[in-house]
C-alpha cells in the first residue's frame, strides 16, 4: 500500500524542491498525454506565444488533473534519464517552458527547461 499523498504547497519553490527530490527517488517524472500521444500543453502566463508543458513528481498529482476538459489525458511515466537527456533539451529547442508539480487549477511556476535540468542534475547522486 502506498503512503498518503502530501498536498502541494502554496510555495512554488517548495513544490520545485519536492519535484526534484521525488523525481530522483523514483527515477521517473509524469506528464499527461492522450491515447493518440498528444501531450498536455497550456499557454504561458508570462510570455505570449509560448507554451508550457506541465510535469509532476507523482502519478497521483498528475492524475488529479484528468477530469473535465482534461479527461482526455492520462498520466504517462517518463524515465528521468530520458527526461534529462532528451525531453528538456528538446523542449528548450522548441521554446516550450516547463511547469512542475502544478496544482489542480494548473497554478504553479514556469521554468526554462535547461534551468530545471540544472536543478535536477545538481541533486543527482
PDB file of N, CA and C in Angstrom:
ATOM      1  N   UNK A   1       0.847  -1.193   0.000  1.00  0.00           N
ATOM      2  CA  UNK A   1       0.000   0.000   0.000  1.00  0.00           C
ATOM      3  C   UNK A   1       0.886   1.248   0.000  1.00  0.00           C
ATOM      4  N   UNK A   2       0.549   2.214  -0.844  1.00  0.00           N
ATOM      5  CA  UNK A   2       1.374   3.413  -0.939  1.00  0.00           C
ATOM      6  C   UNK A   2       1.052   4.374   0.201  1.00  0.00           C
ATOM      7  N   UNK A   3       2.024   5.211   0.479  1.00  0.00           N
ATOM      8  CA  UNK A   3       1.823   6.176   1.556  1.00  0.00           C
ATOM      9  C   UNK A   3       0.870   7.266   1.086  1.00  0.00           C
ATOM     10  N   UNK A   4       0.214   7.950   2.044  1.00  0.00           N
ATOM     11  CA  UNK A   4      -0.738   9.008   1.658  1.00  0.00           C
ATOM     12  C   UNK A   4      -0.010  10.125   0.900  1.00  0.00           C
ATOM     13  N   UNK A   5      -0.706  10.702  -0.040  1.00  0.00           N
ATOM     14  CA  UNK A   5      -0.149  11.773  -0.853  1.00  0.00           C
ATOM     15  C   UNK A   5      -0.191  13.084  -0.076  1.00  0.00           C
ATOM     16  N   UNK A   6       0.964  13.705   0.048  1.00  0.00           N
ATOM     17  CA  UNK A   6       1.031  15.010   0.696  1.00  0.00           C
ATOM     18  C   UNK A   6       0.545  16.069  -0.288  1.00  0.00           C
ATOM     19  N   UNK A   7      -0.286  17.012   0.175  1.00  0.00           N
ATOM     20  CA  UNK A   7      -0.747  18.061  -0.747  1.00  0.00           C
ATOM     21  C   UNK A   7       0.410  18.956  -1.171  1.00  0.00           C
ATOM     22  N   UNK A   8       0.249  19.586  -2.319  1.00  0.00           N
ATOM     23  CA  UNK A   8       1.251  20.535  -2.789  1.00  0.00           C
ATOM     24  C   UNK A   8       1.237  21.774  -1.908  1.00  0.00           C
ATOM     25  N   UNK A   9       2.354  22.455  -1.844  1.00  0.00           N
ATOM     26  CA  UNK A   9       2.484  23.670  -1.044  1.00  0.00           C
ATOM     27  C   UNK A   9       1.996  24.882  -1.842  1.00  0.00           C
ATOM     28  N   UNK A  10       1.745  25.971  -1.152  1.00  0.00           N
ATOM     29  CA  UNK A  10       1.427  27.237  -1.811  1.00  0.00           C
ATOM     30  C   UNK A  10       2.705  27.906  -2.312  1.00  0.00           C
ATOM     31  N   UNK A  11       3.844  27.438  -1.834  1.00  0.00           N
ATOM     32  CA  UNK A  11       5.152  27.977  -2.184  1.00  0.00           C
ATOM     33  C   UNK A  11       5.694  27.214  -3.391  1.00  0.00           C
ATOM     34  N   UNK A  12       5.881  27.906  -4.516  1.00  0.00           N
ATOM     35  CA  UNK A  12       6.332  27.255  -5.749  1.00  0.00           C
ATOM     36  C   UNK A  12       7.725  26.666  -5.608  1.00  0.00           C
ATOM     37  N   UNK A  13       8.611  27.342  -4.861  1.00  0.00           N
ATOM     38  CA  UNK A  13       9.964  26.814  -4.660  1.00  0.00           C
ATOM     39  C   UNK A  13       9.911  25.492  -3.891  1.00  0.00           C
ATOM     40  N   UNK A  14       9.017  25.403  -2.926  1.00  0.00           N
ATOM     41  CA  UNK A  14       8.862  24.159  -2.172  1.00  0.00           C
ATOM     42  C   UNK A  14       8.374  23.037  -3.096  1.00  0.00           C
ATOM     43  N   UNK A  15       7.462  23.371  -4.006  1.00  0.00           N
ATOM     44  CA  UNK A  15       6.967  22.371  -4.957  1.00  0.00           C
ATOM     45  C   UNK A  15       8.070  21.949  -5.937  1.00  0.00           C
ATOM     46  N   UNK A  16       8.937  22.894  -6.319  1.00  0.00           N
ATOM     47  CA  UNK A  16      10.082  22.564  -7.169  1.00  0.00           C
ATOM     48  C   UNK A  16      11.025  21.620  -6.425  1.00  0.00           C
ATOM     49  N   UNK A  17      11.332  21.942  -5.184  1.00  0.00           N
ATOM     50  CA  UNK A  17      12.215  21.083  -4.382  1.00  0.00           C
ATOM     51  C   UNK A  17      11.624  19.681  -4.253  1.00  0.00           C
ATOM     52  N   UNK A  18      10.323  19.613  -4.007  1.00  0.00           N
ATOM     53  CA  UNK A  18       9.655  18.307  -3.895  1.00  0.00           C
ATOM     54  C   UNK A  18       9.763  17.550  -5.217  1.00  0.00           C
ATOM     55  N   UNK A  19       9.555  18.244  -6.324  1.00  0.00           N
ATOM     56  CA  UNK A  19       9.656  17.615  -7.646  1.00  0.00           C
ATOM     57  C   UNK A  19      11.036  16.992  -7.823  1.00  0.00           C
ATOM     58  N   UNK A  20      12.077  17.754  -7.513  1.00  0.00           N
ATOM     59  CA  UNK A  20      13.452  17.282  -7.686  1.00  0.00           C
ATOM     60  C   UNK A  20      13.715  16.056  -6.825  1.00  0.00           C
ATOM     61  N   UNK A  21      13.379  16.138  -5.544  1.00  0.00           N
ATOM     62  CA  UNK A  21      13.632  15.026  -4.621  1.00  0.00           C
ATOM     63  C   UNK A  21      12.865  13.778  -5.043  1.00  0.00           C
ATOM     64  N   UNK A  22      11.572  13.916  -5.311  1.00  0.00           N
ATOM     65  CA  UNK A  22      10.747  12.751  -5.649  1.00  0.00           C
ATOM     66  C   UNK A  22      11.115  12.165  -7.008  1.00  0.00           C
ATOM     67  N   UNK A  23      11.446  13.014  -7.979  1.00  0.00           N
ATOM     68  CA  UNK A  23      11.835  12.512  -9.301  1.00  0.00           C
ATOM     69  C   UNK A  23      13.129  11.706  -9.208  1.00  0.00           C
ATOM     70  N   UNK A  24      14.077  12.188  -8.424  1.00  0.00           N
ATOM     71  CA  UNK A  24      15.341  11.468  -8.269  1.00  0.00           C
ATOM     72  C   UNK A  24      15.113  10.162  -7.509  1.00  0.00           C
ATOM     73  N   UNK A  25      14.282  10.203  -6.470  1.00  0.00           N
ATOM     74  CA  UNK A  25      13.993   8.982  -5.699  1.00  0.00           C
ATOM     75  C   UNK A  25      13.319   7.915  -6.552  1.00  0.00           C
ATOM     76  N   UNK A  26      12.336   8.317  -7.360  1.00  0.00           N
ATOM     77  CA  UNK A  26      11.557   7.346  -8.133  1.00  0.00           C
ATOM     78  C   UNK A  26      12.181   7.023  -9.488  1.00  0.00           C
ATOM     79  N   UNK A  27      12.988   7.951 -10.012  1.00  0.00           N
ATOM     80  CA  UNK A  27      13.594   7.749 -11.328  1.00  0.00           C
ATOM     81  C   UNK A  27      12.667   8.046 -12.483  1.00  0.00           C
ATOM     82  N   UNK A  28      11.489   8.632 -12.197  1.00  0.00           N
ATOM     83  CA  UNK A  28      10.543   8.996 -13.259  1.00  0.00           C
ATOM     84  C   UNK A  28       9.904  10.348 -12.957  1.00  0.00           C
ATOM     85  N   UNK A  29       9.424  10.984 -14.008  1.00  0.00           N
ATOM     86  CA  UNK A  29       8.530  12.133 -13.886  1.00  0.00           C
ATOM     87  C   UNK A  29       7.268  11.776 -14.657  1.00  0.00           C
ATOM     88  N   UNK A  30       6.215  12.522 -14.430  1.00  0.00           N
ATOM     89  CA  UNK A  30       4.914  12.213 -15.032  1.00  0.00           C
ATOM     90  C   UNK A  30       4.418  13.383 -15.857  1.00  0.00           C
ATOM     91  N   UNK A  31       4.037  13.078 -17.097  1.00  0.00           N
ATOM     92  CA  UNK A  31       3.372  14.041 -17.960  1.00  0.00           C
ATOM     93  C   UNK A  31       1.974  13.544 -18.244  1.00  0.00           C
ATOM     94  N   UNK A  32       1.207  14.338 -18.968  1.00  0.00           N
ATOM     95  CA  UNK A  32      -0.152  13.943 -19.346  1.00  0.00           C
ATOM     96  C   UNK A  32      -0.236  13.863 -20.858  1.00  0.00           C
ATOM     97  N   UNK A  33      -0.762  12.740 -21.349  1.00  0.00           N
ATOM     98  CA  UNK A  33      -0.895  12.551 -22.793  1.00  0.00           C
ATOM     99  C   UNK A  33      -2.225  11.878 -23.113  1.00  0.00           C
ATOM    100  N   UNK A  34      -2.684  12.093 -24.337  1.00  0.00           N
ATOM    101  CA  UNK A  34      -3.887  11.424 -24.820  1.00  0.00           C
ATOM    102  C   UNK A  34      -3.498  10.045 -25.338  1.00  0.00           C
ATOM    103  N   UNK A  35      -4.483   9.226 -25.652  1.00  0.00           N
ATOM    104  CA  UNK A  35      -4.213   7.907 -26.230  1.00  0.00           C
ATOM    105  C   UNK A  35      -3.488   8.040 -27.572  1.00  0.00           C
ATOM    106  N   UNK A  36      -3.692   9.171 -28.272  1.00  0.00           N
ATOM    107  CA  UNK A  36      -3.048   9.397 -29.569  1.00  0.00           C
ATOM    108  C   UNK A  36      -1.609   9.900 -29.409  1.00  0.00           C
ATOM    109  N   UNK A  37      -1.186  10.142 -28.173  1.00  0.00           N
ATOM    110  CA  UNK A  37       0.178  10.600 -27.934  1.00  0.00           C
ATOM    111  C   UNK A  37       0.356  12.103 -27.939  1.00  0.00           C
ATOM    112  N   UNK A  38      -0.744  12.849 -27.857  1.00  0.00           N
ATOM    113  CA  UNK A  38      -0.650  14.306 -27.760  1.00  0.00           C
ATOM    114  C   UNK A  38      -0.435  14.678 -26.300  1.00  0.00           C
ATOM    115  N   UNK A  39       0.604  15.457 -26.031  1.00  0.00           N
ATOM    116  CA  UNK A  39       0.944  15.838 -24.664  1.00  0.00           C
ATOM    117  C   UNK A  39       0.216  17.119 -24.268  1.00  0.00           C
ATOM    118  N   UNK A  40      -0.131  17.213 -23.006  1.00  0.00           N
ATOM    119  CA  UNK A  40      -0.830  18.388 -22.480  1.00  0.00           C
ATOM    120  C   UNK A  40       0.095  19.601 -22.529  1.00  0.00           C
ATOM    121  N   UNK A  41      -0.426  20.694 -23.059  1.00  0.00           N
ATOM    122  CA  UNK A  41       0.268  21.971 -23.120  1.00  0.00           C
ATOM    123  C   UNK A  41      -0.703  23.063 -22.715  1.00  0.00           C
ATOM    124  N   UNK A  42      -0.203  24.102 -22.075  1.00  0.00           N
ATOM    125  CA  UNK A  42      -1.022  25.261 -21.741  1.00  0.00           C
ATOM    126  C   UNK A  42      -0.264  26.519 -22.158  1.00  0.00           C
ATOM    127  N   UNK A  43      -1.000  27.602 -22.334  1.00  0.00           N
ATOM    128  CA  UNK A  43      -0.375  28.877 -22.678  1.00  0.00           C
ATOM    129  C   UNK A  43       0.366  29.418 -21.463  1.00  0.00           C
ATOM    130  N   UNK A  44       1.519  30.010 -21.717  1.00  0.00           N
ATOM    131  CA  UNK A  44       2.309  30.612 -20.647  1.00  0.00           C
ATOM    132  C   UNK A  44       1.590  31.830 -20.091  1.00  0.00           C
ATOM    133  N   UNK A  45       1.704  31.993 -18.780  1.00  0.00           N
ATOM    134  CA  UNK A  45       1.173  33.201 -18.129  1.00  0.00           C
ATOM    135  C   UNK A  45       2.161  34.355 -18.299  1.00  0.00           C
ATOM    136  N   UNK A  46       3.434  34.023 -18.557  1.00  0.00           N
ATOM    137  CA  UNK A  46       4.492  35.038 -18.603  1.00  0.00           C
ATOM    138  C   UNK A  46       4.771  35.573 -19.991  1.00  0.00           C
ATOM    139  N   UNK A  47       4.614  34.717 -21.003  1.00  0.00           N
ATOM    140  CA  UNK A  47       5.062  35.093 -22.351  1.00  0.00           C
ATOM    141  C   UNK A  47       3.995  34.761 -23.383  1.00  0.00           C
ATOM    142  N   UNK A  48       3.673  35.735 -24.218  1.00  0.00           N
ATOM    143  CA  UNK A  48       2.768  35.472 -25.334  1.00  0.00           C
ATOM    144  C   UNK A  48       3.453  34.525 -26.307  1.00  0.00           C
ATOM    145  N   UNK A  49       2.670  33.700 -26.963  1.00  0.00           N
ATOM    146  CA  UNK A  49       3.166  32.786 -27.996  1.00  0.00           C
ATOM    147  C   UNK A  49       4.124  31.721 -27.468  1.00  0.00           C
ATOM    148  N   UNK A  50       4.110  31.488 -26.161  1.00  0.00           N
ATOM    149  CA  UNK A  50       4.936  30.428 -25.580  1.00  0.00           C
ATOM    150  C   UNK A  50       4.005  29.472 -24.845  1.00  0.00           C
ATOM    151  N   UNK A  51       4.291  28.183 -24.987  1.00  0.00           N
ATOM    152  CA  UNK A  51       3.501  27.183 -24.281  1.00  0.00           C
ATOM    153  C   UNK A  51       4.314  26.580 -23.148  1.00  0.00           C
ATOM    154  N   UNK A  52       3.588  25.953 -22.223  1.00  0.00           N
ATOM    155  CA  UNK A  52       4.203  25.308 -21.079  1.00  0.00           C
ATOM    156  C   UNK A  52       3.725  23.862 -21.042  1.00  0.00           C
ATOM    157  N   UNK A  53       4.656  22.926 -20.836  1.00  0.00           N
ATOM    158  CA  UNK A  53       4.302  21.530 -20.662  1.00  0.00           C
ATOM    159  C   UNK A  53       4.470  21.194 -19.175  1.00  0.00           C
ATOM    160  N   UNK A  54       3.374  20.820 -18.520  1.00  0.00           N
ATOM    161  CA  UNK A  54       3.476  20.507 -17.091  1.00  0.00           C
ATOM    162  C   UNK A  54       3.929  19.071 -16.833  1.00  0.00           C
ATOM    163  N   UNK A  55       4.678  18.904 -15.744  1.00  0.00           N
ATOM    164  CA  UNK A  55       5.148  17.601 -15.284  1.00  0.00           C
ATOM    165  C   UNK A  55       4.959  17.511 -13.772  1.00  0.00           C
ATOM    166  N   UNK A  56       4.834  16.272 -13.297  1.00  0.00           N
ATOM    167  CA  UNK A  56       4.645  16.042 -11.866  1.00  0.00           C
ATOM    168  C   UNK A  56       5.616  14.976 -11.383  1.00  0.00           C
ATOM    169  N   UNK A  57       5.858  14.986 -10.073  1.00  0.00           N
ATOM    170  CA  UNK A  57       6.781  14.021  -9.483  1.00  0.00           C
ATOM    171  C   UNK A  57       6.066  12.778  -8.975  1.00  0.00           C
ATOM    172  N   UNK A  58       4.742  12.781  -9.024  1.00  0.00           N
ATOM    173  CA  UNK A  58       3.956  11.650  -8.515  1.00  0.00           C
ATOM    174  C   UNK A  58       2.764  11.435  -9.450  1.00  0.00           C
ATOM    175  N   UNK A  59       2.519  10.191  -9.784  1.00  0.00           N
ATOM    176  CA  UNK A  59       1.412   9.862 -10.690  1.00  0.00           C
ATOM    177  C   UNK A  59       0.086  10.399 -10.170  1.00  0.00           C
ATOM    178  N   UNK A  60      -0.110  10.357  -8.865  1.00  0.00           N
ATOM    179  CA  UNK A  60      -1.392  10.802  -8.295  1.00  0.00           C
ATOM    180  C   UNK A  60      -1.595  12.307  -8.453  1.00  0.00           C
ATOM    181  N   UNK A  61      -0.523  13.076  -8.405  1.00  0.00           N
ATOM    182  CA  UNK A  61      -0.635  14.526  -8.639  1.00  0.00           C
ATOM    183  C   UNK A  61      -1.049  14.801 -10.075  1.00  0.00           C
ATOM    184  N   UNK A  62      -0.491  14.038 -11.015  1.00  0.00           N
ATOM    185  CA  UNK A  62      -0.856  14.193 -12.425  1.00  0.00           C
ATOM    186  C   UNK A  62      -2.294  13.726 -12.664  1.00  0.00           C
ATOM    187  N   UNK A  63      -2.658  12.603 -12.063  1.00  0.00           N
ATOM    188  CA  UNK A  63      -4.000  12.029 -12.241  1.00  0.00           C
ATOM    189  C   UNK A  63      -5.089  12.994 -11.783  1.00  0.00           C
ATOM    190  N   UNK A  64      -4.792  13.805 -10.775  1.00  0.00           N
ATOM    191  CA  UNK A  64      -5.787  14.732 -10.214  1.00  0.00           C
ATOM    192  C   UNK A  64      -6.299  15.736 -11.243  1.00  0.00           C
ATOM    193  N   UNK A  65      -5.549  15.946 -12.319  1.00  0.00           N
ATOM    194  CA  UNK A  65      -5.971  16.908 -13.344  1.00  0.00           C
ATOM    195  C   UNK A  65      -6.770  16.280 -14.471  1.00  0.00           C
ATOM    196  N   UNK A  66      -6.885  14.960 -14.471  1.00  0.00           N
ATOM    197  CA  UNK A  66      -7.507  14.243 -15.594  1.00  0.00           C
ATOM    198  C   UNK A  66      -9.019  14.169 -15.450  1.00  0.00           C
ATOM    199  N   UNK A  67      -9.641  15.343 -15.435  1.00  0.00           N
ATOM    200  CA  UNK A  67     -11.103  15.406 -15.369  1.00  0.00           C
ATOM    201  C   UNK A  67     -11.573  16.613 -16.162  1.00  0.00           C
ATOM    202  N   UNK A  68     -12.879  16.695 -16.367  1.00  0.00           N
ATOM    203  CA  UNK A  68     -13.421  17.800 -17.163  1.00  0.00           C
ATOM    204  C   UNK A  68     -12.830  17.785 -18.558  1.00  0.00           C
ATOM    205  N   UNK A  69     -12.415  18.963 -19.037  1.00  0.00           N
ATOM    206  CA  UNK A  69     -11.858  19.036 -20.392  1.00  0.00           C
ATOM    207  C   UNK A  69     -10.507  18.331 -20.491  1.00  0.00           C
ATOM    208  N   UNK A  70      -9.897  18.008 -19.369  1.00  0.00           N
ATOM    209  CA  UNK A  70      -8.630  17.275 -19.360  1.00  0.00           C
ATOM    210  C   UNK A  70      -8.830  15.775 -19.158  1.00  0.00           C
ATOM    211  N   UNK A  71     -10.070  15.311 -19.237  1.00  0.00           N
ATOM    212  CA  UNK A  71     -10.332  13.876 -19.059  1.00  0.00           C
ATOM    213  C   UNK A  71      -9.786  13.056 -20.236  1.00  0.00           C
ATOM    214  N   UNK A  72      -9.373  13.714 -21.306  1.00  0.00           N
ATOM    215  CA  UNK A  72      -8.781  13.007 -22.459  1.00  0.00           C
ATOM    216  C   UNK A  72      -7.331  12.587 -22.170  1.00  0.00           C
ATOM    217  N   UNK A  73      -6.758  13.125 -21.083  1.00  0.00           N
ATOM    218  CA  UNK A  73      -5.365  12.836 -20.740  1.00  0.00           C
ATOM    219  C   UNK A  73      -5.266  11.753 -19.670  1.00  0.00           C
ATOM    220  N   UNK A  74      -4.130  11.075 -19.686  1.00  0.00           N
ATOM    221  CA  UNK A  74      -3.778  10.106 -18.651  1.00  0.00           C
ATOM    222  C   UNK A  74      -2.313  10.334 -18.279  1.00  0.00           C
ATOM    223  N   UNK A  75      -1.945  10.048 -17.018  1.00  0.00           N
ATOM    224  CA  UNK A  75      -0.540  10.179 -16.633  1.00  0.00           C
ATOM    225  C   UNK A  75       0.336   9.181 -17.389  1.00  0.00           C
ATOM    226  N   UNK A  76       1.488   9.657 -17.841  1.00  0.00           N
ATOM    227  CA  UNK A  76       2.452   8.816 -18.550  1.00  0.00           C
ATOM    228  C   UNK A  76       3.814   9.016 -17.887  1.00  0.00           C
ATOM    229  N   UNK A  77       4.444   7.909 -17.502  1.00  0.00           N
ATOM    230  CA  UNK A  77       5.763   7.967 -16.866  1.00  0.00           C
ATOM    231  C   UNK A  77       6.843   8.225 -17.908  1.00  0.00           C
ATOM    232  N   UNK A  78       7.790   9.074 -17.542  1.00  0.00           N
ATOM    233  CA  UNK A  78       8.953   9.362 -18.377  1.00  0.00           C
ATOM    234  C   UNK A  78      10.187   9.093 -17.516  1.00  0.00           C
ATOM    235  N   UNK A  79      11.043   8.213 -18.002  1.00  0.00           N
ATOM    236  CA  UNK A  79      12.269   7.889 -17.280  1.00  0.00           C
ATOM    237  C   UNK A  79      13.080   9.168 -17.055  1.00  0.00           C
ATOM    238  N   UNK A  80      13.590   9.344 -15.841  1.00  0.00           N
ATOM    239  CA  UNK A  80      14.296  10.577 -15.503  1.00  0.00           C
ATOM    240  C   UNK A  80      15.511  10.812 -16.400  1.00  0.00           C
ATOM    241  N   UNK A  81      16.247   9.761 -16.708  1.00  0.00           N
ATOM    242  CA  UNK A  81      17.414   9.914 -17.575  1.00  0.00           C
ATOM    243  C   UNK A  81      16.996  10.409 -18.964  1.00  0.00           C
ATOM    244  N   UNK A  82      15.908   9.843 -19.500  1.00  0.00           N
ATOM    245  CA  UNK A  82      15.389  10.288 -20.796  1.00  0.00           C
ATOM    246  C   UNK A  82      14.883  11.731 -20.704  1.00  0.00           C
ATOM    247  N   UNK A  83      14.239  12.056 -19.598  1.00  0.00           N
ATOM    248  CA  UNK A  83      13.738  13.417 -19.372  1.00  0.00           C
ATOM    249  C   UNK A  83      14.894  14.417 -19.416  1.00  0.00           C
ATOM    250  N   UNK A  84      15.995  14.072 -18.744  1.00  0.00           N
ATOM    251  CA  UNK A  84      17.154  14.964 -18.700  1.00  0.00           C
ATOM    252  C   UNK A  84      17.902  15.017 -20.029  1.00  0.00           C
ATOM    253  N   UNK A  85      18.064  13.859 -20.675  1.00  0.00           N
ATOM    254  CA  UNK A  85      18.886  13.787 -21.885  1.00  0.00           C
ATOM    255  C   UNK A  85      18.160  14.203 -23.156  1.00  0.00           C
ATOM    256  N   UNK A  86      16.834  13.965 -23.205  1.00  0.00           N
ATOM    257  CA  UNK A  86      16.097  14.209 -24.448  1.00  0.00           C
ATOM    258  C   UNK A  86      14.981  15.245 -24.303  1.00  0.00           C
ATOM    259  N   UNK A  87      14.129  15.057 -23.296  1.00  0.00           N
ATOM    260  CA  UNK A  87      12.957  15.921 -23.171  1.00  0.00           C
ATOM    261  C   UNK A  87      13.329  17.387 -22.920  1.00  0.00           C
ATOM    262  N   UNK A  88      14.125  17.634 -21.881  1.00  0.00           N
ATOM    263  CA  UNK A  88      14.407  19.030 -21.537  1.00  0.00           C
ATOM    264  C   UNK A  88      15.194  19.754 -22.633  1.00  0.00           C
ATOM    265  N   UNK A  89      16.226  19.155 -23.224  1.00  0.00           N
ATOM    266  CA  UNK A  89      16.877  19.848 -24.350  1.00  0.00           C
ATOM    267  C   UNK A  89      15.923  20.058 -25.534  1.00  0.00           C
ATOM    268  N   UNK A  90      15.051  19.088 -25.797  1.00  0.00           N
ATOM    269  CA  UNK A  90      14.097  19.224 -26.894  1.00  0.00           C
ATOM    270  C   UNK A  90      13.083  20.329 -26.646  1.00  0.00           C
ATOM    271  N   UNK A  91      12.592  20.407 -25.409  1.00  0.00           N
ATOM    272  CA  UNK A  91      11.644  21.478 -25.070  1.00  0.00           C
ATOM    273  C   UNK A  91      12.325  22.837 -25.166  1.00  0.00           C
ATOM    274  N   UNK A  92      13.582  22.908 -24.737  1.00  0.00           N
ATOM    275  CA  UNK A  92      14.342  24.153 -24.864  1.00  0.00           C
ATOM    276  C   UNK A  92      14.450  24.555 -26.337  1.00  0.00           C
ATOM    277  N   UNK A  93      14.794  23.602 -27.203  1.00  0.00           N
ATOM    278  CA  UNK A  93      14.916  23.882 -28.643  1.00  0.00           C
ATOM    279  C   UNK A  93      13.589  24.335 -29.242  1.00  0.00           C
ATOM    280  N   UNK A  94      12.495  23.769 -28.731  1.00  0.00           N
ATOM    281  CA  UNK A  94      11.164  24.117 -29.231  1.00  0.00           C
ATOM    282  C   UNK A  94      10.588  25.373 -28.572  1.00  0.00           C
ATOM    283  N   UNK A  95      11.344  26.002 -27.684  1.00  0.00           N
ATOM    284  CA  UNK A  95      10.915  27.177 -26.928  1.00  0.00           C
ATOM    285  C   UNK A  95       9.600  26.885 -26.187  1.00  0.00           C
ATOM    286  N   UNK A  96       9.598  25.786 -25.444  1.00  0.00           N
ATOM    287  CA  UNK A  96       8.479  25.414 -24.590  1.00  0.00           C
ATOM    288  C   UNK A  96       8.998  25.434 -23.156  1.00  0.00           C
ATOM    289  N   UNK A  97       8.273  26.118 -22.282  1.00  0.00           N
ATOM    290  CA  UNK A  97       8.635  26.146 -20.867  1.00  0.00           C
ATOM    291  C   UNK A  97       8.095  24.895 -20.181  1.00  0.00           C
ATOM    292  N   UNK A  98       8.529  24.645 -18.954  1.00  0.00           N
ATOM    293  CA  UNK A  98       8.021  23.508 -18.191  1.00  0.00           C
ATOM    294  C   UNK A  98       7.433  24.001 -16.882  1.00  0.00           C
ATOM    295  N   UNK A  99       6.361  23.319 -16.476  1.00  0.00           N
ATOM    296  CA  UNK A  99       5.764  23.557 -15.171  1.00  0.00           C
ATOM    297  C   UNK A  99       5.980  22.313 -14.331  1.00  0.00           C
ATOM    298  N   UNK A 100       6.237  22.486 -13.049  1.00  0.00           N
ATOM    299  CA  UNK A 100       6.458  21.324 -12.198  1.00  0.00           C
ATOM    300  C   UNK A 100       5.515  21.345 -11.003  1.00  0.00           C
ATOM    301  N   UNK A 101       4.905  20.177 -10.778  1.00  0.00           N
ATOM    302  CA  UNK A 101       4.007  19.981  -9.646  1.00  0.00           C
ATOM    303  C   UNK A 101       2.971  21.105  -9.514  1.00  0.00           C
ATOM    304  N   UNK A 102       2.314  21.396 -10.644  1.00  0.00           N
ATOM    305  CA  UNK A 102       1.224  22.371 -10.604  1.00  0.00           C
ATOM    306  C   UNK A 102       0.036  21.775  -9.874  1.00  0.00           C
ATOM    307  N   UNK A 103      -0.770  22.657  -9.297  1.00  0.00           N
ATOM    308  CA  UNK A 103      -1.954  22.183  -8.577  1.00  0.00           C
ATOM    309  C   UNK A 103      -3.097  21.884  -9.544  1.00  0.00           C
ATOM    310  N   UNK A 104      -4.231  21.485  -8.999  1.00  0.00           N
ATOM    311  CA  UNK A 104      -5.356  21.056  -9.838  1.00  0.00           C
ATOM    312  C   UNK A 104      -5.966  22.190 -10.656  1.00  0.00           C
ATOM    313  N   UNK A 105      -5.638  23.435 -10.333  1.00  0.00           N
ATOM    314  CA  UNK A 105      -6.102  24.585 -11.122  1.00  0.00           C
ATOM    315  C   UNK A 105      -5.019  25.028 -12.111  1.00  0.00           C
ATOM    316  N   UNK A 106      -3.985  24.171 -12.279  1.00  0.00           N
ATOM    317  CA  UNK A 106      -2.860  24.468 -13.174  1.00  0.00           C
ATOM    318  C   UNK A 106      -2.136  25.741 -12.755  1.00  0.00           C
ATOM    319  N   UNK A 107      -1.989  25.909 -11.451  1.00  0.00           N
ATOM    320  CA  UNK A 107      -1.265  27.056 -10.918  1.00  0.00           C
ATOM    321  C   UNK A 107       0.099  26.588 -10.443  1.00  0.00           C
ATOM    322  N   UNK A 108       1.123  27.295 -10.884  1.00  0.00           N
ATOM    323  CA  UNK A 108       2.485  26.981 -10.485  1.00  0.00           C
ATOM    324  C   UNK A 108       3.457  27.818 -11.283  1.00  0.00           C
ATOM    325  N   UNK A 109       4.726  27.631 -10.995  1.00  0.00           N
ATOM    326  CA  UNK A 109       5.765  28.408 -11.656  1.00  0.00           C
ATOM    327  C   UNK A 109       6.123  27.783 -13.002  1.00  0.00           C
ATOM    328  N   UNK A 110       6.586  28.634 -13.918  1.00  0.00           N
ATOM    329  CA  UNK A 110       7.062  28.194 -15.231  1.00  0.00           C
ATOM    330  C   UNK A 110       8.576  28.310 -15.239  1.00  0.00           C
ATOM    331  N   UNK A 111       9.236  27.276 -15.762  1.00  0.00           N
ATOM    332  CA  UNK A 111      10.696  27.241 -15.760  1.00  0.00           C
ATOM    333  C   UNK A 111      11.235  27.023 -17.165  1.00  0.00           C
ATOM    334  N   UNK A 112      12.415  27.577 -17.412  1.00  0.00           N
ATOM    335  CA  UNK A 112      13.154  27.283 -18.634  1.00  0.00           C
ATOM    336  C   UNK A 112      13.634  25.842 -18.494  1.00  0.00           C
ATOM    337  N   UNK A 113      13.470  25.006 -19.516  1.00  0.00           N
ATOM    338  CA  UNK A 113      13.847  23.594 -19.390  1.00  0.00           C
ATOM    339  C   UNK A 113      15.279  23.357 -18.927  1.00  0.00           C
ATOM    340  N   UNK A 114      16.233  24.154 -19.406  1.00  0.00           N
ATOM    341  CA  UNK A 114      17.622  23.925 -19.003  1.00  0.00           C
ATOM    342  C   UNK A 114      17.864  24.319 -17.548  1.00  0.00           C
ATOM    343  N   UNK A 115      17.079  25.272 -17.026  1.00  0.00           N
ATOM    344  CA  UNK A 115      17.171  25.605 -15.598  1.00  0.00           C
ATOM    345  C   UNK A 115      16.695  24.425 -14.758  1.00  0.00           C
ATOM    346  N   UNK A 116      15.614  23.781 -15.199  1.00  0.00           N
ATOM    347  CA  UNK A 116      15.117  22.607 -14.477  1.00  0.00           C
ATOM    348  C   UNK A 116      16.144  21.483 -14.555  1.00  0.00           C
ATOM    349  N   UNK A 117      16.768  21.319 -15.691  1.00  0.00           N
ATOM    350  CA  UNK A 117      17.805  20.298 -15.853  1.00  0.00           C
ATOM    351  C   UNK A 117      18.926  20.538 -14.849  1.00  0.00           C
ATOM    352  N   UNK A 118      19.364  21.782 -14.697  1.00  0.00           N
ATOM    353  CA  UNK A 118      20.416  22.109 -13.744  1.00  0.00           C
ATOM    354  C   UNK A 118      19.990  21.791 -12.317  1.00  0.00           C
ATOM    355  N   UNK A 119      18.734  22.105 -11.976  1.00  0.00           N
ATOM    356  CA  UNK A 119      18.216  21.812 -10.626  1.00  0.00           C
ATOM    357  C   UNK A 119      18.278  20.314 -10.355  1.00  0.00           C
ATOM    358  N   UNK A 120      17.842  19.518 -11.326  1.00  0.00           N
ATOM    359  CA  UNK A 120      17.835  18.070 -11.149  1.00  0.00           C
ATOM    360  C   UNK A 120      19.255  17.511 -11.087  1.00  0.00           C
ATOM    361  N   UNK A 121      20.105  17.933 -12.003  1.00  0.00           N
ATOM    362  CA  UNK A 121      21.453  17.386 -12.064  1.00  0.00           C
ATOM    363  C   UNK A 121      22.271  17.760 -10.838  1.00  0.00           C
ATOM    364  N   UNK A 122      21.993  18.909 -10.237  1.00  0.00           N
ATOM    365  CA  UNK A 122      22.722  19.334  -9.040  1.00  0.00           C
ATOM    366  C   UNK A 122      22.449  18.401  -7.866  1.00  0.00           C
ATOM    367  N   UNK A 123      21.272  17.756  -7.857  1.00  0.00           N
ATOM    368  CA  UNK A 123      20.895  16.897  -6.741  1.00  0.00           C
ATOM    369  C   UNK A 123      21.081  15.418  -7.028  1.00  0.00           C
ATOM    370  N   UNK A 124      21.485  15.068  -8.255  1.00  0.00           N
ATOM    371  CA  UNK A 124      21.692  13.648  -8.568  1.00  0.00           C
ATOM    372  C   UNK A 124      22.869  13.115  -7.767  1.00  0.00           C
ATOM    373  N   UNK A 125      22.763  11.856  -7.311  1.00  0.00           N
ATOM    374  CA  UNK A 125      23.874  11.281  -6.539  1.00  0.00           C
ATOM    375  C   UNK A 125      25.104  11.060  -7.403  1.00  0.00           C
TER     376      UNK A 125
END
